Structure formats: structure tokens, C-alpha cells
C-alpha atoms as a PDB file:
ATOM      1  CA  UNK A   1       0.000   0.000   0.000  1.00  0.00           C
ATOM      2  CA  UNK A   2       2.799   2.393   0.800  1.00  0.00           C
ATOM      3  CA  UNK A   3       4.451   1.802  -2.572  1.00  0.00           C
ATOM      4  CA  UNK A   4       1.134   2.422  -4.361  1.00  0.00           C
ATOM      5  CA  UNK A   5       0.394   5.440  -2.142  1.00  0.00           C
ATOM      6  CA  UNK A   6      -3.190   4.261  -1.821  1.00  0.00           C
ATOM      7  CA  UNK A   7      -5.213   1.624  -0.039  1.00  0.00           C
ATOM      8  CA  UNK A   8      -7.920   0.895   2.488  1.00  0.00           C
ATOM      9  CA  UNK A   9      -7.734  -0.875   5.858  1.00  0.00           C
ATOM     10  CA  UNK A  10     -11.057  -2.001   7.339  1.00  0.00           C
ATOM     11  CA  UNK A  11     -11.332  -3.278  10.917  1.00  0.00           C
ATOM     12  CA  UNK A  12     -14.436  -4.968  12.308  1.00  0.00           C
ATOM     13  CA  UNK A  13     -15.283  -3.526  15.732  1.00  0.00           C
ATOM     14  CA  UNK A  14     -18.602  -3.391  17.598  1.00  0.00           C
ATOM     15  CA  UNK A  15     -20.963  -0.773  18.971  1.00  0.00           C
ATOM     16  CA  UNK A  16     -20.162  -2.316  22.360  1.00  0.00           C
ATOM     17  CA  UNK A  17     -16.688  -0.798  22.054  1.00  0.00           C
ATOM     18  CA  UNK A  18     -18.341   2.625  22.090  1.00  0.00           C
ATOM     19  CA  UNK A  19     -21.208   1.981  24.536  1.00  0.00           C
ATOM     20  CA  UNK A  20     -19.878  -0.835  26.731  1.00  0.00           C
ATOM     21  CA  UNK A  21     -23.287  -2.175  27.765  1.00  0.00           C
ATOM     22  CA  UNK A  22     -23.090  -5.968  27.713  1.00  0.00           C
ATOM     23  CA  UNK A  23     -23.081  -7.210  31.314  1.00  0.00           C
ATOM     24  CA  UNK A  24     -20.348  -9.733  31.997  1.00  0.00           C
ATOM     25  CA  UNK A  25     -18.491  -8.969  28.761  1.00  0.00           C
ATOM     26  CA  UNK A  26     -15.883  -6.452  29.946  1.00  0.00           C
ATOM     27  CA  UNK A  27     -13.151  -8.280  28.040  1.00  0.00           C
ATOM     28  CA  UNK A  28     -15.094  -8.044  24.762  1.00  0.00           C
ATOM     29  CA  UNK A  29     -15.950  -4.364  25.302  1.00  0.00           C
ATOM     30  CA  UNK A  30     -12.342  -3.526  26.124  1.00  0.00           C
ATOM     31  CA  UNK A  31     -10.952  -5.308  23.076  1.00  0.00           C
ATOM     32  CA  UNK A  32     -13.415  -3.605  20.723  1.00  0.00           C
ATOM     33  CA  UNK A  33     -12.752  -0.187  22.301  1.00  0.00           C
ATOM     34  CA  UNK A  34      -9.036  -0.817  21.842  1.00  0.00           C
ATOM     35  CA  UNK A  35      -9.594  -1.694  18.198  1.00  0.00           C
ATOM     36  CA  UNK A  36     -11.527   1.548  17.651  1.00  0.00           C
ATOM     37  CA  UNK A  37      -8.714   3.565  19.256  1.00  0.00           C
ATOM     38  CA  UNK A  38      -6.114   1.686  17.223  1.00  0.00           C
ATOM     39  CA  UNK A  39      -8.024   2.418  14.016  1.00  0.00           C
ATOM     40  CA  UNK A  40      -8.262   6.148  14.814  1.00  0.00           C
ATOM     41  CA  UNK A  41      -4.523   6.350  15.456  1.00  0.00           C
ATOM     42  CA  UNK A  42      -3.668   4.243  12.417  1.00  0.00           C
ATOM     43  CA  UNK A  43      -5.857   6.447  10.211  1.00  0.00           C
ATOM     44  CA  UNK A  44      -3.892   9.526  11.266  1.00  0.00           C
ATOM     45  CA  UNK A  45      -0.556   7.803  10.716  1.00  0.00           C
ATOM     46  CA  UNK A  46      -1.249   6.469   7.225  1.00  0.00           C
ATOM     47  CA  UNK A  47      -3.413   9.310   5.841  1.00  0.00           C
ATOM     48  CA  UNK A  48      -0.410  11.289   4.513  1.00  0.00           C
ATOM     49  CA  UNK A  49       0.480   8.212   2.431  1.00  0.00           C
ATOM     50  CA  UNK A  50      -2.960   8.086   0.792  1.00  0.00           C
ATOM     51  CA  UNK A  51      -4.165   5.119   2.845  1.00  0.00           C
ATOM     52  CA  UNK A  52      -7.546   5.120   4.611  1.00  0.00           C
ATOM     53  CA  UNK A  53      -8.292   3.196   7.802  1.00  0.00           C
ATOM     54  CA  UNK A  54     -11.872   2.669   8.992  1.00  0.00           C
ATOM     55  CA  UNK A  55     -13.672   0.601  11.602  1.00  0.00           C
ATOM     56  CA  UNK A  56     -17.097  -0.896  11.009  1.00  0.00           C
ATOM     57  CA  UNK A  57     -19.066  -1.165  14.263  1.00  0.00           C
ATOM     58  CA  UNK A  58     -22.283  -3.169  13.827  1.00  0.00           C
ATOM     59  CA  UNK A  59     -24.984  -2.761  16.467  1.00  0.00           C
ATOM     60  CA  UNK A  60     -27.328  -5.212  18.123  1.00  0.00           C
ATOM     61  CA  UNK A  61     -29.537  -7.482  16.063  1.00  0.00           C
ATOM     62  CA  UNK A  62     -33.035  -8.570  17.004  1.00  0.00           C
ATOM     63  CA  UNK A  63     -33.539 -12.249  16.230  1.00  0.00           C
ATOM     64  CA  UNK A  64     -36.906 -13.968  16.254  1.00  0.00           C
END
């Protein structure tokens, strides 16, 4: 990506990393929050090289 001066990095996070509301899942919330922070920092580091970094954070799903 650096040689091409373009590219996209996509990380899969979770809305729980932002909200932290699943009882008994502190480890999951912490790891997803860390991934979101990592993605924000990575995006700033690689932006001058034409590379984008994004995190997708799906929410809760209702299943019937």
C-alpha cells in the first residue's frame, strides 16, 4: 500500500466498544474499544500516504 500510495484498511469492531453495555463482557468491550482507538490512530498515521483506515461497528440485532 505504501508503494502504491493508496489503499484501504477495514477493521471490524462493535458498537459495544463505544457503549460498553453488555453485562459480563468487559473483556469483549475492552478489546473492541481498543480496536476503535487503534483504528483512529492508524488512520492519522497512514493518511499522509494516501491510505484510509476505517472501523465498522455493527450494532445489536433482534432475532426472532
